[in-house]
Amino acid sequence: MIPRPEQMDVNDGKYFSKIYLCWQTNQTYMKKICLILLAAATGFAAHSQTVFEGYYTYKKSARPAAKMELAYPKSQVEDGLANYMGKRGYKPASSSGMTVYRRVTLDSLLTDLYFDFDKQGKGEGQTTTMTLVTTKANQPIDSLKANDKAMLEASKKFLTGLLVPIAEYEHGVKVAAQTEVLQDARKKLDKLVEQQNSLQKKIKDAQTDLAENKTEQAQAQLSKDSPDAKTAEKARDRLQKLMSKQSKLEDSIKQYELDLTKNQSDQEVQKAEVKKQEDALAALQAAK
């Protein structure tokens, strides 16, 4: 159940996720309050406590760190950061279990950025706390002094700047996933249409064969009464084979028609599924 606007806290790390869930609903009321929530998010983002000061324990000592809570899975946060940094020419390294980007310029300071990612929860409700410890370039974490406010403020500023890029990356991941779901749904519908065309051709061909069969039966009926014994016997044998083939053709046509009826029913169901996935994709794209 989605809460009303007055029940939602913009300081909650899941605030923007709730806005997105709001947009996905089909209720006119919820569509309207979605716009209110977006306005609130814009107005109060500057006062949000998403980024906050904390500590990171390294070699049994607490180092000053900036932290940010995100309502996204750990893997997407890591990938979103890598995407953001990669576009700026930085490649990740690993040090003491942390992800490091070296020689990054922050506020005219040449720094190394040490990131840690801590996930909470499971499945769709998973959230991630991103921790950033900033040191001077080529300096280990234990070189950072507990009272180094300049580095802490640079860390907070950098994390604040990551909020939108990571949200956009996560949104892009969802759009890509939903696009794939839609493509799969359309492919399934296309296969049903191909199956329909195949069944219709089989019915038409079987009906043509049946008409030819009946013509041949009529000719065999005339020949079976021939005064020539061999001709009559040959005609009777042919007539039996034609009548057997007629029965098989009629059974095939009935089965094809049953399959065609089911196919058309399946197509209606799949068309509804395609429409559902198209609407889901449109909602995601509109929520950007």
Protein backbone atom coordinates (compact mmCIF):
# COMPACT_ATOMS: atom_id res chain seq x y z
CA MET A 1 0.00 0.00 0.00
CA ILE A 2 1.36 3.44 -0.98
CA PRO A 3 1.10 6.06 1.80
CA ARG A 4 -0.41 9.50 1.42
CA PRO A 5 1.94 12.46 0.91
CA GLU A 6 1.66 13.61 4.50
CA GLN A 7 2.80 10.16 5.62
CA MET A 8 5.97 10.23 3.51
CA ASP A 9 9.31 11.59 4.69
CA VAL A 10 11.68 13.09 2.09
CA ASN A 11 14.53 12.18 4.42
CA ASP A 12 13.63 8.54 3.90
CA GLY A 13 16.12 6.89 1.51
CA LYS A 14 13.22 5.15 -0.21
CA TYR A 15 11.32 8.37 -0.90
CA PHE A 16 12.04 8.44 -4.63
CA SER A 17 11.17 4.75 -4.94
CA LYS A 18 7.79 5.50 -3.41
CA ILE A 19 7.25 8.26 -5.96
CA TYR A 20 7.94 5.77 -8.73
CA LEU A 21 5.50 3.22 -7.26
CA CYS A 22 2.94 6.00 -7.04
CA TRP A 23 3.35 6.77 -10.74
CA GLN A 24 2.85 3.11 -11.68
CA THR A 25 -0.67 3.03 -10.27
CA ASN A 26 -3.62 3.56 -12.55
CA GLN A 27 -5.69 5.57 -10.10
CA THR A 28 -6.26 9.20 -11.06
CA TYR A 29 -5.87 10.24 -7.42
CA MET A 30 -2.49 8.57 -7.18
CA LYS A 31 -1.34 10.10 -10.48
CA LYS A 32 -2.12 13.55 -9.06
CA ILE A 33 -0.31 13.07 -5.78
CA CYS A 34 2.65 11.66 -7.73
CA LEU A 35 3.18 15.14 -9.14
CA ILE A 36 2.91 16.59 -5.63
CA LEU A 37 5.56 14.16 -4.40
CA LEU A 38 7.89 15.05 -7.23
CA ALA A 39 7.51 18.72 -6.40
CA ALA A 40 8.20 17.98 -2.76
CA ALA A 41 11.29 16.00 -3.70
CA THR A 42 12.60 18.93 -5.72
CA GLY A 43 11.84 21.47 -3.01
CA PHE A 44 13.30 19.54 -0.11
CA ALA A 45 16.20 17.69 -1.73
CA ALA A 46 18.66 20.29 -0.46
CA HIS A 47 17.58 19.61 3.12
CA SER A 48 17.57 15.84 2.79
CA GLN A 49 19.74 13.86 5.22
CA THR A 50 20.56 11.27 2.55
CA VAL A 51 24.24 12.27 2.84
CA PHE A 52 25.56 12.35 6.38
CA GLU A 53 28.77 12.18 8.37
CA GLY A 54 29.98 8.94 9.88
CA TYR A 55 32.99 6.72 10.33
CA TYR A 56 34.65 3.82 8.59
CA THR A 57 36.60 1.38 10.75
CA TYR A 58 39.99 0.61 9.25
CA LYS A 59 42.62 -1.37 11.16
CA LYS A 60 40.52 -1.03 14.32
CA SER A 61 40.51 2.77 14.04
CA ALA A 62 37.56 4.94 13.02
CA ARG A 63 38.19 7.22 10.06
CA PRO A 64 35.89 10.14 9.22
CA ALA A 65 33.66 9.28 6.29
CA ALA A 66 30.69 10.55 4.33
CA LYS A 67 27.76 8.17 3.95
CA MET A 68 24.71 8.03 1.73
CA GLU A 69 21.71 5.73 1.90
CA LEU A 70 20.24 4.67 -1.43
CA ALA A 71 17.07 2.71 -2.12
CA TYR A 72 18.80 0.54 -4.73
CA PRO A 73 20.47 -2.88 -4.68
CA LYS A 74 24.20 -2.95 -3.92
CA SER A 75 25.14 -4.22 -7.39
CA GLN A 76 23.32 -1.35 -9.10
CA VAL A 77 24.93 1.24 -6.83
CA GLU A 78 28.38 -0.20 -7.57
CA ASP A 79 27.64 -0.32 -11.30
CA GLY A 80 26.17 3.18 -11.23
CA LEU A 81 29.31 4.55 -9.58
CA ALA A 82 31.55 2.68 -12.03
CA ASN A 83 29.51 4.08 -14.94
CA TYR A 84 29.76 7.64 -13.57
CA MET A 85 33.49 7.44 -12.89
CA GLY A 86 34.21 5.60 -16.13
CA LYS A 87 32.67 8.41 -18.17
CA ARG A 88 35.18 10.71 -16.50
CA GLY A 89 38.15 8.52 -17.31
CA TYR A 90 38.62 6.84 -13.92
CA LYS A 91 39.04 3.11 -13.47
CA PRO A 92 38.39 1.29 -10.18
CA ALA A 93 41.01 -0.52 -8.17
CA SER A 94 40.73 -2.58 -5.00
CA SER A 95 42.42 -1.92 -1.67
CA SER A 96 41.68 -3.56 1.68
CA GLY A 97 38.26 -4.68 0.48
CA MET A 98 37.30 -1.21 -0.73
CA THR A 99 36.80 0.15 -4.24
CA VAL A 100 39.34 2.89 -4.95
CA TYR A 101 39.49 5.61 -7.59
CA ARG A 102 42.88 7.28 -7.56
CA ARG A 103 44.00 10.81 -8.37
CA VAL A 104 40.53 12.32 -8.54
CA THR A 105 40.36 16.11 -8.33
CA LEU A 106 37.89 17.39 -5.73
CA ASP A 107 37.70 21.15 -5.11
CA SER A 108 41.25 21.58 -6.52
CA LEU A 109 42.50 18.77 -4.25
CA LEU A 110 44.08 15.71 -5.83
CA THR A 111 42.58 12.79 -3.94
CA ASP A 112 42.04 9.06 -3.72
CA LEU A 113 38.40 7.98 -3.18
CA TYR A 114 37.82 4.86 -1.08
CA PHE A 115 34.30 3.44 -1.36
CA ASP A 116 32.53 0.78 0.68
CA PHE A 117 29.03 -0.60 -0.01
CA ASP A 118 26.86 -2.13 2.68
CA LYS A 119 23.55 -3.69 1.69
CA GLN A 120 20.48 -4.01 3.88
CA GLY A 121 17.45 -6.16 3.20
CA LYS A 122 16.74 -8.58 0.38
CA GLY A 123 15.05 -8.63 -2.99
CA GLU A 124 13.16 -5.55 -4.17
CA GLY A 125 13.39 -3.98 -0.72
CA GLN A 126 17.19 -4.03 -0.68
CA THR A 127 18.92 -0.73 0.14
CA THR A 128 22.58 0.22 0.13
CA THR A 129 24.70 2.47 2.31
CA MET A 130 27.60 3.95 0.36
CA THR A 131 30.59 5.05 2.43
CA LEU A 132 33.31 7.34 1.08
CA VAL A 133 36.65 7.98 2.73
CA THR A 134 38.76 10.58 0.91
CA THR A 135 42.51 10.91 1.30
CA LYS A 136 45.18 12.90 -0.47
CA ALA A 137 46.38 11.20 -3.65
CA ASN A 138 48.54 8.11 -3.13
CA GLN A 139 47.90 8.14 0.62
CA PRO A 140 46.44 5.16 2.53
CA ILE A 141 43.30 5.47 4.62
CA ASP A 142 45.22 5.40 7.89
CA SER A 143 46.93 8.63 6.84
CA LEU A 144 43.62 10.47 7.23
CA LYS A 145 43.33 12.46 10.43
CA ALA A 146 40.14 12.28 12.45
CA ASN A 147 39.78 16.08 12.41
CA ASP A 148 40.40 16.56 8.67
CA LYS A 149 37.24 18.55 7.92
CA ALA A 150 38.38 19.53 4.43
CA MET A 151 38.46 15.92 3.25
CA LEU A 152 35.17 15.13 4.98
CA GLU A 153 33.39 18.07 3.37
CA ALA A 154 34.83 17.11 -0.03
CA SER A 155 33.50 13.58 0.49
CA LYS A 156 30.02 14.84 1.40
CA LYS A 157 29.93 17.14 -1.59
CA PHE A 158 31.03 14.35 -3.92
CA LEU A 159 28.38 11.92 -2.61
CA THR A 160 25.69 14.57 -2.96
CA GLY A 161 26.71 14.95 -6.59
CA LEU A 162 26.35 11.19 -7.10
CA LEU A 163 22.68 11.02 -6.08
CA VAL A 164 21.24 12.03 -9.47
CA PRO A 165 23.71 10.07 -11.68
CA ILE A 166 23.15 6.86 -9.73
CA ALA A 167 19.38 7.38 -9.76
CA GLU A 168 19.53 7.91 -13.53
CA TYR A 169 21.66 4.80 -13.95
CA GLU A 170 19.26 2.73 -11.86
CA HIS A 171 16.37 4.13 -13.89
CA GLY A 172 18.20 3.20 -17.09
CA VAL A 173 18.67 -0.35 -15.81
CA LYS A 174 14.93 -0.62 -15.15
CA VAL A 175 14.07 0.80 -18.57
CA ALA A 176 16.45 -1.64 -20.27
CA ALA A 177 15.01 -4.58 -18.32
CA GLN A 178 11.44 -3.53 -19.08
CA THR A 179 12.31 -3.03 -22.76
CA GLU A 180 13.58 -6.61 -22.86
CA VAL A 181 10.38 -7.86 -21.20
CA LEU A 182 8.33 -5.99 -23.80
CA GLN A 183 10.43 -7.38 -26.66
CA ASP A 184 9.93 -10.92 -25.34
CA ALA A 185 6.17 -10.35 -25.12
CA ARG A 186 6.08 -9.05 -28.70
CA LYS A 187 8.15 -12.00 -29.95
CA LYS A 188 5.68 -14.39 -28.34
CA LEU A 189 2.81 -12.59 -30.06
CA ASP A 190 4.66 -12.72 -33.39
CA LYS A 191 5.11 -16.48 -32.99
CA LEU A 192 1.39 -16.87 -32.36
CA VAL A 193 0.62 -14.90 -35.52
CA GLU A 194 3.04 -17.11 -37.48
CA GLN A 195 1.34 -20.17 -35.99
CA GLN A 196 -2.04 -18.77 -37.03
CA ASN A 197 -0.86 -18.29 -40.62
CA SER A 198 0.55 -21.82 -40.66
CA LEU A 199 -2.71 -23.32 -39.35
CA GLN A 200 -4.79 -21.38 -41.85
CA LYS A 201 -2.58 -22.67 -44.68
CA LYS A 202 -2.86 -26.23 -43.38
CA ILE A 203 -6.65 -25.95 -43.26
CA LYS A 204 -6.78 -24.53 -46.79
CA ASP A 205 -4.45 -27.24 -48.16
CA ALA A 206 -6.38 -30.00 -46.38
CA GLN A 207 -9.68 -28.67 -47.72
CA THR A 208 -8.21 -28.63 -51.25
CA ASP A 209 -7.00 -32.22 -50.81
CA LEU A 210 -10.43 -33.20 -49.47
CA ALA A 211 -12.19 -31.71 -52.48
CA GLU A 212 -9.83 -33.56 -54.83
CA ASN A 213 -10.35 -36.74 -52.83
CA LYS A 214 -14.12 -36.54 -53.29
CA THR A 215 -13.72 -35.99 -57.03
CA GLU A 216 -11.49 -39.05 -57.25
CA GLN A 217 -14.00 -41.05 -55.19
CA ALA A 218 -16.75 -40.17 -57.64
CA GLN A 219 -14.59 -41.42 -60.52
CA ALA A 220 -13.78 -44.63 -58.60
CA GLN A 221 -17.47 -45.20 -57.95
CA LEU A 222 -18.08 -45.28 -61.71
CA SER A 223 -15.16 -47.62 -62.36
CA LYS A 224 -16.04 -50.16 -59.65
CA ASP A 225 -19.12 -51.21 -61.65
CA SER A 226 -17.04 -51.82 -64.79
CA PRO A 227 -17.79 -55.09 -66.64
CA ASP A 228 -14.04 -55.69 -66.63
CA ALA A 229 -13.31 -57.57 -63.40
CA LYS A 230 -9.76 -56.27 -63.01
CA THR A 231 -10.82 -52.67 -63.59
CA ALA A 232 -13.68 -53.05 -61.10
CA GLU A 233 -11.43 -54.63 -58.44
CA LYS A 234 -8.78 -51.94 -58.89
CA ALA A 235 -11.45 -49.22 -58.57
CA ARG A 236 -12.83 -50.76 -55.36
CA ASP A 237 -9.35 -50.88 -53.79
CA ARG A 238 -8.74 -47.26 -54.77
CA LEU A 239 -12.12 -46.23 -53.39
CA GLN A 240 -11.32 -47.78 -50.00
CA LYS A 241 -7.99 -45.93 -49.86
CA LEU A 242 -9.66 -42.65 -50.84
CA MET A 243 -12.34 -43.07 -48.18
CA SER A 244 -9.67 -43.78 -45.55
CA LYS A 245 -7.73 -40.70 -46.65
CA GLN A 246 -10.96 -38.65 -46.52
CA SER A 247 -11.48 -39.63 -42.88
CA LYS A 248 -7.91 -38.62 -41.99
CA LEU A 249 -8.24 -35.31 -43.83
CA GLU A 250 -11.51 -34.51 -42.03
CA ASP A 251 -9.92 -35.35 -38.66
CA SER A 252 -6.93 -33.16 -39.49
CA ILE A 253 -9.13 -30.23 -40.48
CA LYS A 254 -11.08 -30.51 -37.20
CA GLN A 255 -7.85 -30.54 -35.21
CA TYR A 256 -6.41 -27.60 -37.16
CA GLU A 257 -9.59 -25.63 -36.52
CA LEU A 258 -9.44 -26.42 -32.79
CA ASP A 259 -5.79 -25.35 -32.72
CA LEU A 260 -6.69 -22.18 -34.62
CA THR A 261 -9.43 -21.31 -32.13
CA LYS A 262 -6.99 -21.76 -29.23
CA ASN A 263 -4.34 -19.77 -31.07
CA GLN A 264 -6.72 -16.84 -31.55
CA SER A 265 -7.62 -16.97 -27.85
CA ASP A 266 -3.92 -17.05 -26.92
CA GLN A 267 -3.32 -14.07 -29.19
CA GLU A 268 -5.92 -12.00 -27.36
CA VAL A 269 -4.26 -12.84 -24.04
CA GLN A 270 -0.83 -12.02 -25.43
CA LYS A 271 -2.03 -8.75 -26.96
CA ALA A 272 -3.20 -7.74 -23.48
CA GLU A 273 0.20 -8.73 -22.08
CA VAL A 274 2.00 -6.64 -24.72
CA LYS A 275 -0.22 -3.66 -23.88
CA LYS A 276 0.52 -4.14 -20.18
CA GLN A 277 4.28 -4.18 -20.79
CA GLU A 278 4.03 -1.17 -23.14
CA ASP A 279 2.22 0.77 -20.42
CA ALA A 280 4.84 -0.28 -17.85
CA LEU A 281 7.64 0.93 -20.11
CA ALA A 282 5.83 4.21 -20.83
CA ALA A 283 5.36 4.78 -17.08
CA LEU A 284 9.07 4.18 -16.47
CA GLN A 285 10.08 6.54 -19.26
CA ALA A 286 7.66 9.22 -18.03
CA ALA A 287 9.00 8.92 -14.48
CA LYS A 288 12.53 9.93 -15.53
